[in-house]
Amino acid sequence: LYSSSLKDVHDSNFVISVGSFLKSDLPNARYALNNSVITNKGSALYFHPVSDPIMEKIGKKGKSTEFVYHKPLAEESVLYLILNKFGKELPENIQVYLDSLKETRTKIVTETIKETVVEIVKNEETGEEKEVKKVVPKKVKKEVEFEYTKLLENIGQDEKLLDTIDTLLAKKDTYSLMVGEDLITHPNSENLAKLCGLVDKYTDFSIV
């Protein structure tokens, strides 16, 4: 029993689509997603096994939209990833399962810092020298730890997807999840329905 409508998607500023080739499956849903991104200055995540260059014209890739073309039948992992990222006070058995897939990894990141340098400037007329301080940007590399989940491997993605989601989430406060017919025709459709129920109950997403 879905908790949302396409009008709610129109009015949201963060939308996820899973299991629907929106261009042909349901153009009205494509319009709703487009409206969220363009009119509401929102962000959207589009999960599907088949790439869609028409959908990719919506928004700016990596800044307001991200298109994740995953392995076939990986929709369960996508919904678990949503629960892992957005779930609050999840049932113990679900949390234990999600925790079992987590591991701490390290990566090298490049940061720009401001460094003060001193230059000796000579006055050509007087021959006088004086020190001049300048603040210049400097790029430094450092190793940082981050939390990885093996759900990303199931989807065929890496940790960059988590960084992209954080970028898309900036200043967003109304969430909609659209689930398509690929979930209904999926061999594990019953479990997918339960996962949608968990997303509806334990995250801020409304579902259509």
C-alpha atoms as a PDB file:
ATOM      1  CA  LEU A   1       0.000   0.000   0.000  1.00  0.00           C
ATOM      2  CA  TYR A   2       1.990   2.928  -1.293  1.00  0.00           C
ATOM      3  CA  SER A   3       2.159   6.109   0.739  1.00  0.00           C
ATOM      4  CA  SER A   4       2.693   8.620  -2.042  1.00  0.00           C
ATOM      5  CA  SER A   5       1.628   9.916  -5.440  1.00  0.00           C
ATOM      6  CA  LEU A   6       3.305  11.423  -8.492  1.00  0.00           C
ATOM      7  CA  LYS A   7       2.204  14.844  -7.222  1.00  0.00           C
ATOM      8  CA  ASP A   8       4.330  14.234  -4.131  1.00  0.00           C
ATOM      9  CA  VAL A   9       7.258  13.396  -6.424  1.00  0.00           C
ATOM     10  CA  HIS A  10       6.670  16.697  -8.245  1.00  0.00           C
ATOM     11  CA  ASP A  11       6.907  18.505  -4.902  1.00  0.00           C
ATOM     12  CA  SER A  12       9.945  16.606  -3.558  1.00  0.00           C
ATOM     13  CA  ASN A  13      13.521  17.803  -3.840  1.00  0.00           C
ATOM     14  CA  PHE A  14      15.212  14.396  -3.577  1.00  0.00           C
ATOM     15  CA  VAL A  15      13.903  11.535  -5.720  1.00  0.00           C
ATOM     16  CA  ILE A  16      15.115   7.966  -6.234  1.00  0.00           C
ATOM     17  CA  SER A  17      13.783   5.776  -9.050  1.00  0.00           C
ATOM     18  CA  VAL A  18      14.295   2.003  -8.889  1.00  0.00           C
ATOM     19  CA  GLY A  19      13.142  -0.655 -11.336  1.00  0.00           C
ATOM     20  CA  SER A  20      11.537   1.482 -13.996  1.00  0.00           C
ATOM     21  CA  PHE A  21      12.716   2.490 -17.476  1.00  0.00           C
ATOM     22  CA  LEU A  22      10.903   5.780 -17.042  1.00  0.00           C
ATOM     23  CA  LYS A  23      11.133   7.007 -20.646  1.00  0.00           C
ATOM     24  CA  SER A  24       8.773   4.260 -21.842  1.00  0.00           C
ATOM     25  CA  ASP A  25       7.370   2.565 -18.707  1.00  0.00           C
ATOM     26  CA  LEU A  26       5.643   5.662 -17.366  1.00  0.00           C
ATOM     27  CA  PRO A  27       6.272   9.053 -18.985  1.00  0.00           C
ATOM     28  CA  ASN A  28       4.221  10.774 -16.260  1.00  0.00           C
ATOM     29  CA  ALA A  29       6.742   9.539 -13.671  1.00  0.00           C
ATOM     30  CA  ARG A  30       9.578  10.788 -15.862  1.00  0.00           C
ATOM     31  CA  TYR A  31       7.873  14.189 -15.947  1.00  0.00           C
ATOM     32  CA  ALA A  32       7.492  14.160 -12.146  1.00  0.00           C
ATOM     33  CA  LEU A  33      11.197  13.413 -11.678  1.00  0.00           C
ATOM     34  CA  ASN A  34      12.130  16.104 -14.178  1.00  0.00           C
ATOM     35  CA  ASN A  35       9.920  18.626 -12.377  1.00  0.00           C
ATOM     36  CA  SER A  36      11.517  17.803  -9.030  1.00  0.00           C
ATOM     37  CA  VAL A  37      15.016  18.417 -10.407  1.00  0.00           C
ATOM     38  CA  ILE A  38      14.311  21.449 -12.586  1.00  0.00           C
ATOM     39  CA  THR A  39      11.481  23.305 -10.845  1.00  0.00           C
ATOM     40  CA  ASN A  40      12.236  22.411  -7.236  1.00  0.00           C
ATOM     41  CA  LYS A  41      16.019  22.575  -7.745  1.00  0.00           C
ATOM     42  CA  GLY A  42      16.100  19.008  -6.476  1.00  0.00           C
ATOM     43  CA  SER A  43      18.323  15.970  -6.988  1.00  0.00           C
ATOM     44  CA  ALA A  44      17.592  12.537  -8.394  1.00  0.00           C
ATOM     45  CA  LEU A  45      19.124   9.057  -8.340  1.00  0.00           C
ATOM     46  CA  TYR A  46      18.078   6.755 -11.187  1.00  0.00           C
ATOM     47  CA  PHE A  47      18.750   3.011 -10.785  1.00  0.00           C
ATOM     48  CA  HIS A  48      18.217   0.677 -13.746  1.00  0.00           C
ATOM     49  CA  PRO A  49      20.102  -2.090 -15.602  1.00  0.00           C
ATOM     50  CA  VAL A  50      19.653  -0.351 -18.988  1.00  0.00           C
ATOM     51  CA  SER A  51      21.209   3.026 -19.771  1.00  0.00           C
ATOM     52  CA  ASP A  52      18.871   5.806 -20.850  1.00  0.00           C
ATOM     53  CA  PRO A  53      20.457   8.766 -22.673  1.00  0.00           C
ATOM     54  CA  ILE A  54      17.087  10.578 -22.767  1.00  0.00           C
ATOM     55  CA  MET A  55      16.818  10.562 -18.958  1.00  0.00           C
ATOM     56  CA  GLU A  56      20.430  11.685 -18.683  1.00  0.00           C
ATOM     57  CA  LYS A  57      19.478  15.020 -20.193  1.00  0.00           C
ATOM     58  CA  ILE A  58      17.768  15.886 -16.899  1.00  0.00           C
ATOM     59  CA  GLY A  59      19.878  18.050 -14.577  1.00  0.00           C
ATOM     60  CA  LYS A  60      23.647  18.027 -14.249  1.00  0.00           C
ATOM     61  CA  LYS A  61      25.248  14.607 -13.837  1.00  0.00           C
ATOM     62  CA  GLY A  62      27.043  14.263 -10.508  1.00  0.00           C
ATOM     63  CA  LYS A  63      25.649  17.559  -9.210  1.00  0.00           C
ATOM     64  CA  SER A  64      21.858  17.255  -9.396  1.00  0.00           C
ATOM     65  CA  THR A  65      21.413  13.807 -10.975  1.00  0.00           C
ATOM     66  CA  GLU A  66      23.192  10.462 -10.994  1.00  0.00           C
ATOM     67  CA  PHE A  67      22.360   7.491 -13.223  1.00  0.00           C
ATOM     68  CA  VAL A  68      23.391   4.131 -11.803  1.00  0.00           C
ATOM     69  CA  TYR A  69      23.260   1.290 -14.312  1.00  0.00           C
ATOM     70  CA  HIS A  70      23.471  -1.794 -12.155  1.00  0.00           C
ATOM     71  CA  LYS A  71      23.599  -5.540 -12.646  1.00  0.00           C
ATOM     72  CA  PRO A  72      20.293  -7.226 -13.587  1.00  0.00           C
ATOM     73  CA  LEU A  73      18.132  -8.362 -10.651  1.00  0.00           C
ATOM     74  CA  ALA A  74      20.162  -6.255  -8.178  1.00  0.00           C
ATOM     75  CA  GLU A  75      17.118  -4.298  -7.001  1.00  0.00           C
ATOM     76  CA  GLU A  76      17.212  -5.947  -3.565  1.00  0.00           C
ATOM     77  CA  SER A  77      20.722  -4.609  -2.988  1.00  0.00           C
ATOM     78  CA  VAL A  78      19.590  -1.157  -4.142  1.00  0.00           C
ATOM     79  CA  LEU A  79      16.766  -1.106  -1.575  1.00  0.00           C
ATOM     80  CA  TYR A  80      19.091  -2.443   1.141  1.00  0.00           C
ATOM     81  CA  LEU A  81      21.522   0.350   0.212  1.00  0.00           C
ATOM     82  CA  ILE A  82      18.726   2.897   0.715  1.00  0.00           C
ATOM     83  CA  LEU A  83      17.961   1.374   4.122  1.00  0.00           C
ATOM     84  CA  ASN A  84      21.665   1.397   4.992  1.00  0.00           C
ATOM     85  CA  LYS A  85      22.016   5.065   4.086  1.00  0.00           C
ATOM     86  CA  PHE A  86      18.702   6.496   5.275  1.00  0.00           C
ATOM     87  CA  GLY A  87      17.270   4.012   7.796  1.00  0.00           C
ATOM     88  CA  LYS A  88      16.527   5.140  11.357  1.00  0.00           C
ATOM     89  CA  GLU A  89      16.053   2.688  14.252  1.00  0.00           C
ATOM     90  CA  LEU A  90      15.816  -0.304  11.908  1.00  0.00           C
ATOM     91  CA  PRO A  91      14.616  -3.700  13.179  1.00  0.00           C
ATOM     92  CA  GLU A  92      17.480  -5.594  14.785  1.00  0.00           C
ATOM     93  CA  ASN A  93      17.653  -8.396  12.186  1.00  0.00           C
ATOM     94  CA  ILE A  94      17.868  -5.878   9.336  1.00  0.00           C
ATOM     95  CA  GLN A  95      20.534  -3.815  11.124  1.00  0.00           C
ATOM     96  CA  VAL A  96      22.579  -6.937  11.898  1.00  0.00           C
ATOM     97  CA  TYR A  97      22.461  -7.949   8.219  1.00  0.00           C
ATOM     98  CA  LEU A  98      23.501  -4.476   7.022  1.00  0.00           C
ATOM     99  CA  ASP A  99      26.301  -4.330   9.604  1.00  0.00           C
ATOM    100  CA  SER A 100      27.616  -7.712   8.428  1.00  0.00           C
ATOM    101  CA  LEU A 101      28.239  -6.172   5.005  1.00  0.00           C
ATOM    102  CA  LYS A 102      30.193  -3.183   6.319  1.00  0.00           C
ATOM    103  CA  GLU A 103      33.957  -2.839   6.530  1.00  0.00           C
ATOM    104  CA  THR A 104      36.346   0.032   7.173  1.00  0.00           C
ATOM    105  CA  ARG A 105      38.558   0.927   4.234  1.00  0.00           C
ATOM    106  CA  THR A 106      41.065   3.686   3.497  1.00  0.00           C
ATOM    107  CA  LYS A 107      41.447   5.921   0.478  1.00  0.00           C
ATOM    108  CA  ILE A 108      43.713   8.754  -0.634  1.00  0.00           C
ATOM    109  CA  VAL A 109      42.003  12.141  -0.951  1.00  0.00           C
ATOM    110  CA  THR A 110      43.426  15.398  -2.253  1.00  0.00           C
ATOM    111  CA  GLU A 111      42.708  18.539  -0.265  1.00  0.00           C
ATOM    112  CA  THR A 112      43.518  22.141  -1.022  1.00  0.00           C
ATOM    113  CA  ILE A 113      45.054  24.011   1.910  1.00  0.00           C
ATOM    114  CA  LYS A 114      46.217  27.596   2.214  1.00  0.00           C
ATOM    115  CA  GLU A 115      49.932  28.020   2.784  1.00  0.00           C
ATOM    116  CA  THR A 116      51.732  31.228   3.683  1.00  0.00           C
ATOM    117  CA  VAL A 117      54.931  31.835   1.724  1.00  0.00           C
ATOM    118  CA  VAL A 118      57.454  34.655   2.156  1.00  0.00           C
ATOM    119  CA  GLU A 119      59.048  36.310  -0.844  1.00  0.00           C
ATOM    120  CA  ILE A 120      61.922  38.800  -0.879  1.00  0.00           C
ATOM    121  CA  VAL A 121      60.991  41.713  -3.133  1.00  0.00           C
ATOM    122  CA  LYS A 122      63.715  44.148  -4.226  1.00  0.00           C
ATOM    123  CA  ASN A 123      62.963  47.762  -5.097  1.00  0.00           C
ATOM    124  CA  GLU A 124      64.803  48.363  -8.367  1.00  0.00           C
ATOM    125  CA  GLU A 125      65.206  52.101  -7.721  1.00  0.00           C
ATOM    126  CA  THR A 126      66.418  52.079  -4.122  1.00  0.00           C
ATOM    127  CA  GLY A 127      67.866  48.583  -3.952  1.00  0.00           C
ATOM    128  CA  GLU A 128      65.911  48.067  -0.729  1.00  0.00           C
ATOM    129  CA  GLU A 129      64.671  44.544  -0.029  1.00  0.00           C
ATOM    130  CA  LYS A 130      61.587  43.652   1.969  1.00  0.00           C
ATOM    131  CA  GLU A 131      59.651  40.537   2.869  1.00  0.00           C
ATOM    132  CA  VAL A 132      56.207  40.046   1.351  1.00  0.00           C
ATOM    133  CA  LYS A 133      53.872  37.368   2.672  1.00  0.00           C
ATOM    134  CA  LYS A 134      51.464  35.646   0.313  1.00  0.00           C
ATOM    135  CA  VAL A 135      48.787  33.048   0.943  1.00  0.00           C
ATOM    136  CA  VAL A 136      48.785  30.470  -1.856  1.00  0.00           C
ATOM    137  CA  PRO A 137      46.678  27.327  -2.375  1.00  0.00           C
ATOM    138  CA  LYS A 138      48.504  24.019  -2.078  1.00  0.00           C
ATOM    139  CA  LYS A 139      47.200  20.540  -2.835  1.00  0.00           C
ATOM    140  CA  VAL A 140      48.047  17.814  -0.349  1.00  0.00           C
ATOM    141  CA  LYS A 141      47.187  14.130  -0.322  1.00  0.00           C
ATOM    142  CA  LYS A 142      46.140  12.303   2.793  1.00  0.00           C
ATOM    143  CA  GLU A 143      44.780   8.915   3.759  1.00  0.00           C
ATOM    144  CA  VAL A 144      41.296   8.781   5.267  1.00  0.00           C
ATOM    145  CA  GLU A 145      39.101   5.974   6.546  1.00  0.00           C
ATOM    146  CA  PHE A 146      35.580   5.424   5.292  1.00  0.00           C
ATOM    147  CA  GLU A 147      32.797   2.924   5.820  1.00  0.00           C
ATOM    148  CA  TYR A 148      32.293   0.596   2.852  1.00  0.00           C
ATOM    149  CA  THR A 149      29.383  -1.751   2.242  1.00  0.00           C
ATOM    150  CA  LYS A 150      29.526  -4.869   0.065  1.00  0.00           C
ATOM    151  CA  LEU A 151      26.098  -3.881  -1.275  1.00  0.00           C
ATOM    152  CA  LEU A 152      28.034  -1.658  -3.676  1.00  0.00           C
ATOM    153  CA  GLU A 153      29.720  -4.731  -5.186  1.00  0.00           C
ATOM    154  CA  ASN A 154      26.318  -6.387  -5.682  1.00  0.00           C
ATOM    155  CA  ILE A 155      25.171  -3.318  -7.616  1.00  0.00           C
ATOM    156  CA  GLY A 156      28.443  -3.027  -9.549  1.00  0.00           C
ATOM    157  CA  GLN A 157      29.492   0.308  -8.046  1.00  0.00           C
ATOM    158  CA  ASP A 158      32.276   1.586  -5.791  1.00  0.00           C
ATOM    159  CA  GLU A 159      32.515   4.021  -2.880  1.00  0.00           C
ATOM    160  CA  LYS A 160      32.292   7.006  -5.244  1.00  0.00           C
ATOM    161  CA  LEU A 161      28.537   6.414  -5.350  1.00  0.00           C
ATOM    162  CA  LEU A 162      28.331   7.151  -1.600  1.00  0.00           C
ATOM    163  CA  ASP A 163      30.187  10.430  -2.109  1.00  0.00           C
ATOM    164  CA  THR A 164      27.864  11.335  -4.980  1.00  0.00           C
ATOM    165  CA  ILE A 165      24.780  10.633  -2.854  1.00  0.00           C
ATOM    166  CA  ASP A 166      26.123  12.948  -0.149  1.00  0.00           C
ATOM    167  CA  THR A 167      26.649  15.658  -2.786  1.00  0.00           C
ATOM    168  CA  LEU A 168      23.108  15.225  -4.134  1.00  0.00           C
ATOM    169  CA  LEU A 169      21.646  15.337  -0.612  1.00  0.00           C
ATOM    170  CA  ALA A 170      22.942  18.817   0.243  1.00  0.00           C
ATOM    171  CA  LYS A 171      20.078  21.040   1.460  1.00  0.00           C
ATOM    172  CA  LYS A 172      17.388  18.472   0.565  1.00  0.00           C
ATOM    173  CA  ASP A 173      14.478  17.762   2.919  1.00  0.00           C
ATOM    174  CA  THR A 174      11.592  16.062   1.041  1.00  0.00           C
ATOM    175  CA  TYR A 175      12.172  12.524  -0.203  1.00  0.00           C
ATOM    176  CA  SER A 176      10.319  10.338  -2.715  1.00  0.00           C
ATOM    177  CA  LEU A 177      11.052   6.806  -3.906  1.00  0.00           C
ATOM    178  CA  MET A 178       9.502   5.590  -7.164  1.00  0.00           C
ATOM    179  CA  VAL A 179       9.496   1.809  -7.658  1.00  0.00           C
ATOM    180  CA  GLY A 180       8.694   0.329 -11.054  1.00  0.00           C
ATOM    181  CA  GLU A 181       7.419  -2.857 -12.617  1.00  0.00           C
ATOM    182  CA  ASP A 182      10.841  -4.536 -12.564  1.00  0.00           C
ATOM    183  CA  LEU A 183      10.252  -5.060  -8.833  1.00  0.00           C
ATOM    184  CA  ILE A 184       6.817  -6.598  -9.457  1.00  0.00           C
ATOM    185  CA  THR A 185       8.128  -9.038 -12.082  1.00  0.00           C
ATOM    186  CA  HIS A 186      11.303  -9.804 -10.074  1.00  0.00           C
ATOM    187  CA  PRO A 187      11.644 -13.449  -8.896  1.00  0.00           C
ATOM    188  CA  ASN A 188      12.034 -12.123  -5.319  1.00  0.00           C
ATOM    189  CA  SER A 189       9.173  -9.650  -5.604  1.00  0.00           C
ATOM    190  CA  GLU A 190       7.760 -10.621  -2.200  1.00  0.00           C
ATOM    191  CA  ASN A 191      11.002  -9.699  -0.446  1.00  0.00           C
ATOM    192  CA  LEU A 192      11.228  -6.484  -2.474  1.00  0.00           C
ATOM    193  CA  ALA A 193       7.736  -5.558  -1.275  1.00  0.00           C
ATOM    194  CA  LYS A 194       8.864  -6.073   2.326  1.00  0.00           C
ATOM    195  CA  LEU A 195      11.964  -3.960   1.714  1.00  0.00           C
ATOM    196  CA  CYS A 196       9.780  -1.182   0.279  1.00  0.00           C
ATOM    197  CA  GLY A 197       7.667  -1.397   3.421  1.00  0.00           C
ATOM    198  CA  LEU A 198      10.799  -1.040   5.561  1.00  0.00           C
ATOM    199  CA  VAL A 199      11.925   1.986   3.528  1.00  0.00           C
ATOM    200  CA  ASP A 200       8.473   3.515   3.966  1.00  0.00           C
ATOM    201  CA  LYS A 201       8.437   2.922   7.727  1.00  0.00           C
ATOM    202  CA  TYR A 202      12.044   3.535   8.762  1.00  0.00           C
ATOM    203  CA  THR A 203      13.213   6.307   6.412  1.00  0.00           C
ATOM    204  CA  ASP A 204      11.950   9.745   5.395  1.00  0.00           C
ATOM    205  CA  PHE A 205      10.978   8.472   1.937  1.00  0.00           C
ATOM    206  CA  SER A 206       7.404   8.252   0.760  1.00  0.00           C
ATOM    207  CA  ILE A 207       6.858   5.600  -1.918  1.00  0.00           C
ATOM    208  CA  VAL A 208       4.938   5.538  -5.178  1.00  0.00           C
END
